[in-house]
Amino acid sequence: MIDLYTWPTPNGRKVSIALEEMGLAYRCHAVNLQEQEQFHPNFLAISPNNKIPAIVDQDTGQSLMESGAILMYLADKCGQFWGDDRYTTLQWLMWQMGGLGPMLGQVHYFKKYNAGKSVYAEERFFHEALRLYQVLDQRLGESEYVSGAYSIADVAIWPWVSRFEWQGIDLADFANVKRWYEVIALRPAVQMGYDQPMYMNDIPKA
């Protein structure tokens, strides 16, 4: 049994989707970010960086924070979802962790939540988002999924793309991303994982 501490954000949804895809038994614990539960001492004992998601694997005693590390751990635990090549999967996972996620997060912050407060920041991060979507679109024009077969890299990237409306992105401008997004959105495990630890909204339609 794995205890998952999470909230319905892109980073949180990565792990709940992975657990559903892998068929691993888990219990979901909501960490309400609006009520700052991520700063409670019990949660900080598991996730010292006060970020969701985090897990405790009751089978092994292993606790982990950071969604990328958790995805790698779970893929190793179940022996699946490494795509066609482990290092290609790691490459795209790191691309999401170091680029796509942080940059789209800045787009959300400046373009959605603080529109008009810094035109420079809005334009800077939006143009970087466009560049990253172009990188992803090119890759998905070469391969059905980012690492050949469906992998933890897709699981990491997809929840961030699912907020394309927040980013002011029209997926019609990125045909390969749109195809990939829609295919993954139909997966039952993705639909189940998306609604953890509770239903927040329907999966956006491209």
N, C-alpha and C. Protein backbone atom coordinates (compact mmCIF):
# COMPACT_ATOMS: atom_id res chain seq x y z
N MET A 1 0.85 -1.20 0.00
CA MET A 1 0.00 0.00 0.00
C MET A 1 0.88 1.24 0.00
N ILE A 2 0.53 2.20 -0.84
CA ILE A 2 1.25 3.46 -0.92
C ILE A 2 0.32 4.58 -0.45
N ASP A 3 0.82 5.39 0.47
CA ASP A 3 0.09 6.58 0.90
C ASP A 3 0.55 7.75 0.04
N LEU A 4 -0.40 8.39 -0.65
CA LEU A 4 -0.13 9.52 -1.52
C LEU A 4 -0.70 10.78 -0.88
N TYR A 5 0.15 11.77 -0.73
CA TYR A 5 -0.24 13.07 -0.19
C TYR A 5 -0.22 14.07 -1.34
N THR A 6 -1.38 14.64 -1.65
CA THR A 6 -1.47 15.37 -2.91
C THR A 6 -2.60 16.38 -2.92
N TRP A 7 -2.70 17.10 -4.03
CA TRP A 7 -3.75 18.08 -4.29
C TRP A 7 -3.91 18.12 -5.81
N PRO A 8 -5.09 18.48 -6.34
CA PRO A 8 -5.29 18.41 -7.79
C PRO A 8 -4.62 19.54 -8.57
N THR A 9 -3.30 19.44 -8.66
CA THR A 9 -2.47 20.33 -9.46
C THR A 9 -1.77 19.48 -10.51
N PRO A 10 -1.12 20.08 -11.50
CA PRO A 10 -0.38 19.25 -12.47
C PRO A 10 0.63 18.31 -11.82
N ASN A 11 1.40 18.80 -10.87
CA ASN A 11 2.39 17.93 -10.23
C ASN A 11 1.72 16.83 -9.42
N GLY A 12 0.65 17.16 -8.72
CA GLY A 12 -0.05 16.13 -7.97
C GLY A 12 -0.67 15.09 -8.87
N ARG A 13 -1.25 15.51 -9.96
CA ARG A 13 -1.92 14.58 -10.87
C ARG A 13 -0.95 13.63 -11.55
N LYS A 14 0.30 14.02 -11.70
CA LYS A 14 1.28 13.10 -12.27
C LYS A 14 1.28 11.77 -11.52
N VAL A 15 1.35 11.87 -10.20
CA VAL A 15 1.55 10.67 -9.39
C VAL A 15 0.26 9.87 -9.27
N SER A 16 -0.87 10.53 -9.09
CA SER A 16 -2.12 9.76 -9.01
C SER A 16 -2.43 9.07 -10.34
N ILE A 17 -2.12 9.72 -11.46
CA ILE A 17 -2.30 9.07 -12.76
C ILE A 17 -1.35 7.88 -12.87
N ALA A 18 -0.10 8.04 -12.46
CA ALA A 18 0.86 6.94 -12.53
C ALA A 18 0.39 5.76 -11.69
N LEU A 19 -0.07 6.02 -10.49
CA LEU A 19 -0.52 4.93 -9.62
C LEU A 19 -1.71 4.19 -10.23
N GLU A 20 -2.62 4.93 -10.85
CA GLU A 20 -3.75 4.29 -11.53
C GLU A 20 -3.27 3.48 -12.73
N GLU A 21 -2.37 4.03 -13.52
CA GLU A 21 -1.86 3.32 -14.69
C GLU A 21 -1.15 2.03 -14.29
N MET A 22 -0.43 2.08 -13.19
CA MET A 22 0.38 0.95 -12.76
C MET A 22 -0.41 -0.07 -11.96
N GLY A 23 -1.62 0.28 -11.57
CA GLY A 23 -2.44 -0.64 -10.79
C GLY A 23 -1.92 -0.89 -9.40
N LEU A 24 -1.19 0.06 -8.85
CA LEU A 24 -0.64 -0.09 -7.50
C LEU A 24 -1.67 0.37 -6.47
N ALA A 25 -1.78 -0.36 -5.39
CA ALA A 25 -2.73 0.00 -4.33
C ALA A 25 -2.24 1.26 -3.62
N TYR A 26 -3.15 2.21 -3.45
CA TYR A 26 -2.76 3.44 -2.76
C TYR A 26 -3.94 4.06 -2.04
N ARG A 27 -3.59 4.86 -1.02
CA ARG A 27 -4.55 5.68 -0.30
C ARG A 27 -4.20 7.13 -0.57
N CYS A 28 -5.21 7.92 -0.83
CA CYS A 28 -5.00 9.31 -1.19
C CYS A 28 -5.34 10.21 -0.01
N HIS A 29 -4.41 11.09 0.35
CA HIS A 29 -4.60 12.04 1.44
C HIS A 29 -4.52 13.45 0.86
N ALA A 30 -5.59 14.22 1.03
CA ALA A 30 -5.60 15.59 0.52
C ALA A 30 -4.74 16.50 1.39
N VAL A 31 -3.88 17.28 0.73
CA VAL A 31 -3.10 18.32 1.40
C VAL A 31 -3.60 19.64 0.82
N ASN A 32 -4.48 20.29 1.55
CA ASN A 32 -5.14 21.48 1.05
C ASN A 32 -4.18 22.66 1.00
N LEU A 33 -3.78 23.03 -0.21
CA LEU A 33 -2.81 24.11 -0.36
C LEU A 33 -3.40 25.46 0.00
N GLN A 34 -4.70 25.63 -0.24
CA GLN A 34 -5.36 26.89 0.11
C GLN A 34 -5.37 27.13 1.62
N GLU A 35 -5.39 26.04 2.37
CA GLU A 35 -5.36 26.15 3.83
C GLU A 35 -3.96 25.95 4.40
N GLN A 36 -2.97 25.93 3.50
CA GLN A 36 -1.55 25.83 3.85
C GLN A 36 -1.20 24.59 4.66
N GLU A 37 -1.90 23.50 4.36
CA GLU A 37 -1.61 22.25 5.05
C GLU A 37 -0.24 21.69 4.69
N GLN A 38 0.36 22.20 3.61
CA GLN A 38 1.69 21.74 3.23
C GLN A 38 2.76 22.17 4.23
N PHE A 39 2.39 23.06 5.15
CA PHE A 39 3.34 23.51 6.16
C PHE A 39 3.14 22.81 7.51
N HIS A 40 2.19 21.89 7.58
CA HIS A 40 1.98 21.17 8.84
C HIS A 40 3.17 20.26 9.13
N PRO A 41 3.58 20.16 10.38
CA PRO A 41 4.76 19.36 10.73
C PRO A 41 4.69 17.91 10.24
N ASN A 42 3.52 17.28 10.31
CA ASN A 42 3.41 15.89 9.87
C ASN A 42 3.72 15.74 8.40
N PHE A 43 3.28 16.72 7.59
CA PHE A 43 3.58 16.66 6.17
C PHE A 43 5.05 17.00 5.91
N LEU A 44 5.59 17.97 6.62
CA LEU A 44 6.99 18.34 6.43
C LEU A 44 7.94 17.20 6.77
N ALA A 45 7.51 16.29 7.63
CA ALA A 45 8.35 15.13 7.95
C ALA A 45 8.51 14.23 6.73
N ILE A 46 7.55 14.28 5.81
CA ILE A 46 7.61 13.48 4.59
C ILE A 46 8.18 14.30 3.44
N SER A 47 7.79 15.56 3.38
CA SER A 47 8.19 16.44 2.28
C SER A 47 8.80 17.71 2.85
N PRO A 48 10.10 17.70 3.16
CA PRO A 48 10.73 18.86 3.80
C PRO A 48 10.65 20.14 2.98
N ASN A 49 10.44 20.03 1.67
CA ASN A 49 10.34 21.21 0.81
C ASN A 49 8.92 21.76 0.76
N ASN A 50 8.04 21.26 1.61
CA ASN A 50 6.63 21.67 1.73
C ASN A 50 5.91 21.77 0.39
N LYS A 51 6.16 20.78 -0.48
CA LYS A 51 5.49 20.71 -1.77
C LYS A 51 4.81 19.35 -1.92
N ILE A 52 3.65 19.37 -2.59
CA ILE A 52 3.04 18.10 -2.98
C ILE A 52 3.51 17.78 -4.39
N PRO A 53 3.49 16.50 -4.79
CA PRO A 53 3.06 15.33 -4.03
C PRO A 53 4.20 14.73 -3.22
N ALA A 54 3.81 13.81 -2.35
CA ALA A 54 4.77 13.00 -1.61
C ALA A 54 4.14 11.64 -1.38
N ILE A 55 4.97 10.64 -1.21
CA ILE A 55 4.45 9.29 -0.96
C ILE A 55 5.18 8.65 0.20
N VAL A 56 4.51 7.69 0.81
CA VAL A 56 5.14 6.74 1.73
C VAL A 56 4.72 5.36 1.27
N ASP A 57 5.71 4.54 0.90
CA ASP A 57 5.44 3.17 0.47
C ASP A 57 5.47 2.29 1.71
N GLN A 58 4.30 1.83 2.14
CA GLN A 58 4.22 1.04 3.36
C GLN A 58 4.86 -0.34 3.20
N ASP A 59 5.05 -0.78 1.95
CA ASP A 59 5.71 -2.08 1.72
C ASP A 59 7.20 -2.01 2.02
N THR A 60 7.81 -0.86 1.77
CA THR A 60 9.26 -0.75 1.89
C THR A 60 9.71 0.26 2.95
N GLY A 61 8.78 1.12 3.40
CA GLY A 61 9.15 2.18 4.32
C GLY A 61 9.73 3.40 3.63
N GLN A 62 9.83 3.36 2.31
CA GLN A 62 10.42 4.46 1.56
C GLN A 62 9.45 5.64 1.49
N SER A 63 9.93 6.84 1.85
CA SER A 63 9.15 8.05 1.64
C SER A 63 9.89 8.92 0.64
N LEU A 64 9.13 9.61 -0.19
CA LEU A 64 9.72 10.42 -1.25
C LEU A 64 8.90 11.68 -1.48
N MET A 65 9.60 12.76 -1.75
CA MET A 65 8.99 13.97 -2.28
C MET A 65 9.53 14.15 -3.71
N GLU A 66 9.06 15.18 -4.40
CA GLU A 66 9.43 15.51 -5.77
C GLU A 66 8.81 14.51 -6.76
N SER A 67 7.93 15.04 -7.60
CA SER A 67 7.14 14.18 -8.48
C SER A 67 7.99 13.37 -9.44
N GLY A 68 9.07 13.95 -9.96
CA GLY A 68 9.92 13.19 -10.89
C GLY A 68 10.57 11.99 -10.22
N ALA A 69 11.07 12.19 -9.01
CA ALA A 69 11.69 11.09 -8.27
C ALA A 69 10.65 10.02 -7.95
N ILE A 70 9.44 10.46 -7.60
CA ILE A 70 8.38 9.50 -7.30
C ILE A 70 8.02 8.68 -8.54
N LEU A 71 7.91 9.32 -9.69
CA LEU A 71 7.59 8.59 -10.92
C LEU A 71 8.65 7.54 -11.24
N MET A 72 9.91 7.89 -11.08
CA MET A 72 10.98 6.93 -11.34
C MET A 72 10.90 5.76 -10.37
N TYR A 73 10.66 6.07 -9.10
CA TYR A 73 10.54 5.01 -8.10
C TYR A 73 9.39 4.06 -8.44
N LEU A 74 8.24 4.63 -8.81
CA LEU A 74 7.08 3.79 -9.11
C LEU A 74 7.29 2.96 -10.37
N ALA A 75 7.94 3.54 -11.38
CA ALA A 75 8.22 2.79 -12.61
C ALA A 75 9.16 1.63 -12.32
N ASP A 76 10.14 1.85 -11.46
CA ASP A 76 11.03 0.75 -11.08
C ASP A 76 10.28 -0.28 -10.25
N LYS A 77 9.39 0.18 -9.39
CA LYS A 77 8.66 -0.75 -8.51
C LYS A 77 7.79 -1.70 -9.33
N CYS A 78 7.13 -1.16 -10.36
CA CYS A 78 6.24 -2.02 -11.15
C CYS A 78 6.92 -2.59 -12.38
N GLY A 79 8.12 -2.11 -12.70
CA GLY A 79 8.86 -2.64 -13.85
C GLY A 79 8.23 -2.29 -15.19
N GLN A 80 7.54 -1.15 -15.25
CA GLN A 80 6.87 -0.74 -16.49
C GLN A 80 6.99 0.77 -16.68
N PHE A 81 6.50 1.22 -17.82
CA PHE A 81 6.36 2.65 -18.13
C PHE A 81 7.70 3.37 -18.28
N TRP A 82 8.68 2.62 -18.79
CA TRP A 82 9.97 3.22 -19.11
C TRP A 82 10.11 3.52 -20.61
N GLY A 83 9.02 3.40 -21.36
CA GLY A 83 9.08 3.70 -22.79
C GLY A 83 9.97 2.71 -23.54
N ASP A 84 10.43 3.13 -24.70
CA ASP A 84 11.29 2.26 -25.51
C ASP A 84 12.73 2.28 -25.02
N ASP A 85 13.11 3.31 -24.28
CA ASP A 85 14.50 3.45 -23.84
C ASP A 85 14.51 4.26 -22.55
N ARG A 86 15.15 3.72 -21.53
CA ARG A 86 15.15 4.35 -20.21
C ARG A 86 15.70 5.77 -20.26
N TYR A 87 16.81 5.96 -20.96
CA TYR A 87 17.45 7.27 -20.94
C TYR A 87 16.70 8.30 -21.78
N THR A 88 16.03 7.87 -22.82
CA THR A 88 15.18 8.79 -23.56
C THR A 88 14.02 9.24 -22.68
N THR A 89 13.46 8.30 -21.93
CA THR A 89 12.38 8.64 -21.00
C THR A 89 12.88 9.61 -19.93
N LEU A 90 14.05 9.35 -19.37
CA LEU A 90 14.62 10.25 -18.38
C LEU A 90 14.87 11.63 -18.97
N GLN A 91 15.32 11.67 -20.21
CA GLN A 91 15.59 12.94 -20.88
C GLN A 91 14.33 13.81 -20.93
N TRP A 92 13.21 13.21 -21.34
CA TRP A 92 11.98 13.97 -21.45
C TRP A 92 11.34 14.25 -20.10
N LEU A 93 11.56 13.37 -19.14
CA LEU A 93 11.11 13.64 -17.78
C LEU A 93 11.85 14.85 -17.22
N MET A 94 13.17 14.91 -17.43
CA MET A 94 13.95 16.04 -16.95
C MET A 94 13.56 17.33 -17.69
N TRP A 95 13.22 17.20 -18.97
CA TRP A 95 12.75 18.36 -19.74
C TRP A 95 11.49 18.93 -19.11
N GLN A 96 10.60 18.06 -18.69
CA GLN A 96 9.39 18.54 -18.03
C GLN A 96 9.71 19.17 -16.68
N MET A 97 10.53 18.51 -15.90
CA MET A 97 10.82 18.98 -14.55
C MET A 97 11.59 20.30 -14.56
N GLY A 98 12.53 20.43 -15.50
CA GLY A 98 13.38 21.61 -15.50
C GLY A 98 12.91 22.73 -16.39
N GLY A 99 12.02 22.43 -17.34
CA GLY A 99 11.60 23.43 -18.30
C GLY A 99 10.11 23.64 -18.36
N LEU A 100 9.40 22.64 -18.88
CA LEU A 100 7.97 22.82 -19.14
C LEU A 100 7.18 23.20 -17.88
N GLY A 101 7.36 22.45 -16.81
CA GLY A 101 6.60 22.72 -15.59
C GLY A 101 6.89 24.10 -15.01
N PRO A 102 8.16 24.42 -14.74
CA PRO A 102 8.45 25.74 -14.18
C PRO A 102 8.01 26.90 -15.07
N MET A 103 8.21 26.77 -16.38
CA MET A 103 7.85 27.88 -17.27
C MET A 103 6.33 28.05 -17.36
N LEU A 104 5.60 26.94 -17.47
CA LEU A 104 4.15 27.05 -17.52
C LEU A 104 3.59 27.54 -16.19
N GLY A 105 4.24 27.16 -15.11
CA GLY A 105 3.84 27.67 -13.81
C GLY A 105 3.96 29.19 -13.74
N GLN A 106 5.00 29.74 -14.36
CA GLN A 106 5.16 31.19 -14.40
C GLN A 106 4.09 31.83 -15.29
N VAL A 107 3.72 31.16 -16.38
CA VAL A 107 2.64 31.67 -17.22
C VAL A 107 1.34 31.73 -16.40
N HIS A 108 1.07 30.68 -15.64
CA HIS A 108 -0.12 30.68 -14.79
C HIS A 108 -0.08 31.85 -13.82
N TYR A 109 1.07 32.07 -13.22
CA TYR A 109 1.20 33.10 -12.19
C TYR A 109 0.98 34.50 -12.77
N PHE A 110 1.66 34.78 -13.88
CA PHE A 110 1.60 36.14 -14.42
C PHE A 110 0.42 36.37 -15.36
N LYS A 111 0.10 35.38 -16.20
CA LYS A 111 -0.91 35.59 -17.24
C LYS A 111 -2.33 35.34 -16.73
N LYS A 112 -2.48 34.35 -15.85
CA LYS A 112 -3.83 34.02 -15.35
C LYS A 112 -4.15 34.76 -14.06
N TYR A 113 -3.25 34.68 -13.07
CA TYR A 113 -3.58 35.18 -11.74
C TYR A 113 -3.18 36.64 -11.52
N ASN A 114 -2.25 37.16 -12.30
CA ASN A 114 -1.79 38.53 -12.09
C ASN A 114 -1.70 39.29 -13.41
N ALA A 115 -2.68 39.09 -14.26
CA ALA A 115 -2.68 39.72 -15.58
C ALA A 115 -2.61 41.24 -15.45
N GLY A 116 -1.73 41.82 -16.26
CA GLY A 116 -1.59 43.28 -16.30
C GLY A 116 -0.60 43.85 -15.31
N LYS A 117 -0.13 43.06 -14.37
CA LYS A 117 0.80 43.58 -13.36
C LYS A 117 2.23 43.68 -13.89
N SER A 118 2.57 42.80 -14.84
CA SER A 118 3.90 42.85 -15.45
C SER A 118 3.79 42.33 -16.87
N VAL A 119 3.62 43.25 -17.81
CA VAL A 119 3.50 42.86 -19.21
C VAL A 119 4.77 42.16 -19.68
N TYR A 120 5.91 42.65 -19.22
CA TYR A 120 7.18 42.02 -19.60
C TYR A 120 7.22 40.55 -19.19
N ALA A 121 6.84 40.25 -17.94
CA ALA A 121 6.87 38.87 -17.46
C ALA A 121 5.86 38.01 -18.21
N GLU A 122 4.66 38.56 -18.44
CA GLU A 122 3.66 37.81 -19.19
C GLU A 122 4.19 37.42 -20.56
N GLU A 123 4.77 38.38 -21.27
CA GLU A 123 5.26 38.11 -22.63
C GLU A 123 6.45 37.17 -22.61
N ARG A 124 7.35 37.38 -21.66
CA ARG A 124 8.55 36.53 -21.60
C ARG A 124 8.18 35.07 -21.40
N PHE A 125 7.35 34.78 -20.41
CA PHE A 125 7.03 33.40 -20.10
C PHE A 125 6.07 32.79 -21.11
N PHE A 126 5.19 33.61 -21.68
CA PHE A 126 4.29 33.08 -22.72
C PHE A 126 5.08 32.67 -23.96
N HIS A 127 6.05 33.48 -24.36
CA HIS A 127 6.84 33.12 -25.53
C HIS A 127 7.71 31.89 -25.27
N GLU A 128 8.17 31.73 -24.04
CA GLU A 128 8.91 30.51 -23.71
C GLU A 128 7.98 29.31 -23.71
N ALA A 129 6.73 29.50 -23.26
CA ALA A 129 5.75 28.42 -23.34
C ALA A 129 5.52 28.00 -24.78
N LEU A 130 5.38 28.97 -25.67
CA LEU A 130 5.20 28.66 -27.10
C LEU A 130 6.39 27.86 -27.63
N ARG A 131 7.60 28.27 -27.24
CA ARG A 131 8.79 27.55 -27.70
C ARG A 131 8.78 26.11 -27.21
N LEU A 132 8.41 25.91 -25.95
CA LEU A 132 8.39 24.56 -25.39
C LEU A 132 7.30 23.71 -26.04
N TYR A 133 6.16 24.29 -26.33
CA TYR A 133 5.12 23.56 -27.06
C TYR A 133 5.62 23.17 -28.45
N GLN A 134 6.39 24.03 -29.07
CA GLN A 134 6.94 23.70 -30.39
C GLN A 134 7.93 22.54 -30.30
N VAL A 135 8.73 22.53 -29.24
CA VAL A 135 9.67 21.41 -29.03
C VAL A 135 8.89 20.11 -28.86
N LEU A 136 7.85 20.14 -28.04
CA LEU A 136 7.04 18.95 -27.81
C LEU A 136 6.33 18.53 -29.09
N ASP A 137 5.82 19.49 -29.84
CA ASP A 137 5.11 19.17 -31.07
C ASP A 137 6.04 18.50 -32.08
N GLN A 138 7.26 19.00 -32.16
CA GLN A 138 8.22 18.38 -33.09
C GLN A 138 8.51 16.95 -32.68
N ARG A 139 8.73 16.73 -31.39
CA ARG A 139 9.02 15.37 -30.91
C ARG A 139 7.85 14.44 -31.20
N LEU A 140 6.64 14.90 -30.97
CA LEU A 140 5.47 14.05 -31.17
C LEU A 140 5.11 13.89 -32.64
N GLY A 141 5.75 14.66 -33.50
CA GLY A 141 5.65 14.41 -34.94
C GLY A 141 6.56 13.28 -35.37
N GLU A 142 7.51 12.93 -34.52
CA GLU A 142 8.47 11.86 -34.82
C GLU A 142 8.12 10.55 -34.12
N SER A 143 7.32 10.64 -33.06
CA SER A 143 7.08 9.49 -32.19
C SER A 143 5.66 9.59 -31.62
N GLU A 144 5.00 8.44 -31.49
CA GLU A 144 3.63 8.44 -30.96
C GLU A 144 3.58 9.04 -29.57
N TYR A 145 4.53 8.64 -28.73
CA TYR A 145 4.69 9.20 -27.39
C TYR A 145 6.11 9.73 -27.30
N VAL A 146 6.44 10.47 -26.23
CA VAL A 146 7.73 11.16 -26.22
C VAL A 146 8.92 10.21 -26.15
N SER A 147 8.69 9.00 -25.63
CA SER A 147 9.78 8.02 -25.56
C SER A 147 9.42 6.74 -26.31
N GLY A 148 8.76 6.90 -27.44
CA GLY A 148 8.33 5.74 -28.22
C GLY A 148 7.03 5.20 -27.69
N ALA A 149 7.12 4.32 -26.69
CA ALA A 149 5.93 3.80 -26.01
C ALA A 149 5.55 4.73 -24.86
N TYR A 150 4.30 4.64 -24.46
CA TYR A 150 3.77 5.44 -23.35
C TYR A 150 4.60 5.22 -22.10
N SER A 151 4.97 6.30 -21.43
CA SER A 151 5.91 6.20 -20.31
C SER A 151 5.61 7.23 -19.24
N ILE A 152 6.42 7.18 -18.18
CA ILE A 152 6.29 8.16 -17.11
C ILE A 152 6.59 9.57 -17.61
N ALA A 153 7.31 9.72 -18.71
CA ALA A 153 7.55 11.05 -19.27
C ALA A 153 6.25 11.65 -19.77
N ASP A 154 5.43 10.86 -20.47
CA ASP A 154 4.11 11.33 -20.90
C ASP A 154 3.24 11.66 -19.70
N VAL A 155 3.30 10.81 -18.69
CA VAL A 155 2.50 11.02 -17.47
C VAL A 155 2.90 12.33 -16.79
N ALA A 156 4.17 12.69 -16.87
CA ALA A 156 4.65 13.94 -16.26
C ALA A 156 4.25 15.16 -17.07
N ILE A 157 4.30 15.05 -18.38
CA ILE A 157 4.05 16.20 -19.26
C ILE A 157 2.56 16.49 -19.39
N TRP A 158 1.76 15.45 -19.54
CA TRP A 158 0.34 15.63 -19.88
C TRP A 158 -0.43 16.53 -18.91
N PRO A 159 -0.29 16.39 -17.58
CA PRO A 159 -1.08 17.25 -16.69
C PRO A 159 -0.78 18.74 -16.85
N TRP A 160 0.45 19.08 -17.23
CA TRP A 160 0.77 20.48 -17.48
C TRP A 160 0.12 20.96 -18.77
N VAL A 161 0.12 20.13 -19.79
CA VAL A 161 -0.53 20.50 -21.04
C VAL A 161 -2.04 20.61 -20.84
N SER A 162 -2.58 19.84 -19.89
CA SER A 162 -4.03 19.87 -19.66
C SER A 162 -4.51 21.23 -19.16
N ARG A 163 -3.60 22.11 -18.80
CA ARG A 163 -3.97 23.47 -18.42
C ARG A 163 -3.66 24.46 -19.54
N PHE A 164 -3.75 24.00 -20.78
CA PHE A 164 -3.46 24.86 -21.93
C PHE A 164 -4.31 26.12 -21.93
N GLU A 165 -5.55 26.03 -21.42
CA GLU A 165 -6.42 27.21 -21.39
C GLU A 165 -5.87 28.28 -20.44
N TRP A 166 -5.31 27.86 -19.32
CA TRP A 166 -4.69 28.81 -18.38
C TRP A 166 -3.53 29.54 -19.04
N GLN A 167 -2.88 28.85 -19.96
CA GLN A 167 -1.67 29.38 -20.59
C GLN A 167 -1.97 30.23 -21.83
N GLY A 168 -3.23 30.26 -22.26
CA GLY A 168 -3.57 30.97 -23.48
C GLY A 168 -3.08 30.26 -24.72
N ILE A 169 -2.93 28.94 -24.62
CA ILE A 169 -2.44 28.12 -25.74
C ILE A 169 -3.63 27.50 -26.48
N ASP A 170 -3.61 27.57 -27.80
CA ASP A 170 -4.59 26.90 -28.64
C ASP A 170 -3.93 25.64 -29.19
N LEU A 171 -4.38 24.48 -28.73
CA LEU A 171 -3.75 23.23 -29.17
C LEU A 171 -3.93 22.99 -30.67
N ALA A 172 -4.87 23.67 -31.28
CA ALA A 172 -5.01 23.55 -32.74
C ALA A 172 -3.75 24.03 -33.46
N ASP A 173 -2.96 24.87 -32.79
CA ASP A 173 -1.70 25.35 -33.37
C ASP A 173 -0.59 24.32 -33.27
N PHE A 174 -0.82 23.25 -32.53
CA PHE A 174 0.19 22.21 -32.31
C PHE A 174 -0.48 20.85 -32.54
N ALA A 175 -0.60 20.49 -33.80
CA ALA A 175 -1.42 19.33 -34.18
C ALA A 175 -0.94 18.04 -33.54
N ASN A 176 0.36 17.86 -33.43
CA ASN A 176 0.89 16.62 -32.85
C ASN A 176 0.63 16.56 -31.34
N VAL A 177 0.77 17.69 -30.68
CA VAL A 177 0.46 17.74 -29.25
C VAL A 177 -1.03 17.49 -29.04
N LYS A 178 -1.85 18.08 -29.87
CA LYS A 178 -3.30 17.89 -29.75
C LYS A 178 -3.67 16.42 -29.90
N ARG A 179 -3.12 15.74 -30.88
CA ARG A 179 -3.39 14.31 -31.08
C ARG A 179 -2.99 13.51 -29.85
N TRP A 180 -1.80 13.76 -29.36
CA TRP A 180 -1.26 13.07 -28.17
C TRP A 180 -2.11 13.37 -26.94
N TYR A 181 -2.46 14.62 -26.75
CA TYR A 181 -3.25 15.03 -25.59
C TYR A 181 -4.60 14.31 -25.57
N GLU A 182 -5.25 14.27 -26.70
CA GLU A 182 -6.59 13.67 -26.77
C GLU A 182 -6.54 12.17 -26.55
N VAL A 183 -5.52 11.50 -27.09
CA VAL A 183 -5.38 10.06 -26.89
C VAL A 183 -5.19 9.73 -25.41
N ILE A 184 -4.31 10.48 -24.75
CA ILE A 184 -4.04 10.22 -23.34
C ILE A 184 -5.26 10.56 -22.48
N ALA A 185 -5.99 11.60 -22.83
CA ALA A 185 -7.17 12.00 -22.07
C ALA A 185 -8.24 10.93 -22.04
N LEU A 186 -8.23 10.03 -23.02
CA LEU A 186 -9.23 8.96 -23.09
C LEU A 186 -8.87 7.75 -22.24
N ARG A 187 -7.65 7.71 -21.72
CA ARG A 187 -7.24 6.55 -20.94
C ARG A 187 -7.99 6.51 -19.61
N PRO A 188 -8.63 5.39 -19.26
CA PRO A 188 -9.39 5.32 -18.00
C PRO A 188 -8.55 5.66 -16.77
N ALA A 189 -7.29 5.21 -16.74
CA ALA A 189 -6.44 5.48 -15.59
C ALA A 189 -6.15 6.98 -15.46
N VAL A 190 -6.02 7.66 -16.59
CA VAL A 190 -5.79 9.11 -16.57
C VAL A 190 -7.03 9.81 -16.02
N GLN A 191 -8.18 9.37 -16.45
CA GLN A 191 -9.43 9.97 -15.97
C GLN A 191 -9.62 9.76 -14.48
N MET A 192 -9.25 8.57 -13.99
CA MET A 192 -9.35 8.30 -12.56
C MET A 192 -8.32 9.11 -11.77
N GLY A 193 -7.10 9.12 -12.25
CA GLY A 193 -6.04 9.84 -11.55
C GLY A 193 -6.22 11.33 -11.55
N TYR A 194 -6.83 11.85 -12.60
CA TYR A 194 -7.05 13.29 -12.71
C TYR A 194 -7.94 13.81 -11.58
N ASP A 195 -8.85 12.99 -11.12
CA ASP A 195 -9.83 13.41 -10.11
C ASP A 195 -9.40 13.13 -8.68
N GLN A 196 -8.09 12.93 -8.45
CA GLN A 196 -7.58 12.70 -7.10
C GLN A 196 -6.92 13.97 -6.57
N PRO A 197 -7.04 14.26 -5.28
CA PRO A 197 -7.78 13.52 -4.26
C PRO A 197 -9.29 13.78 -4.26
N MET A 198 -9.73 14.67 -5.19
CA MET A 198 -11.16 14.89 -5.35
C MET A 198 -11.39 15.49 -6.73
N TYR A 199 -12.63 15.43 -7.17
CA TYR A 199 -12.99 16.06 -8.44
C TYR A 199 -12.87 17.58 -8.30
N MET A 200 -12.19 18.20 -9.26
CA MET A 200 -12.06 19.65 -9.29
C MET A 200 -12.70 20.23 -10.54
N ASN A 201 -12.49 19.58 -11.67
CA ASN A 201 -13.05 20.05 -12.93
C ASN A 201 -12.95 18.92 -13.96
N ASP A 202 -13.74 19.00 -15.00
CA ASP A 202 -13.62 18.05 -16.11
C ASP A 202 -12.26 18.24 -16.80
N ILE A 203 -11.78 17.18 -17.41
CA ILE A 203 -10.57 17.29 -18.22
C ILE A 203 -10.89 18.22 -19.39
N PRO A 204 -10.11 19.28 -19.57
CA PRO A 204 -10.39 20.21 -20.67
C PRO A 204 -10.31 19.52 -22.03
N LYS A 205 -11.22 19.88 -22.91
CA LYS A 205 -11.24 19.33 -24.26
C LYS A 205 -10.45 20.25 -25.18
N ALA A 206 -9.59 19.64 -25.98
CA ALA A 206 -8.75 20.41 -26.90
C ALA A 206 -9.56 20.97 -28.04
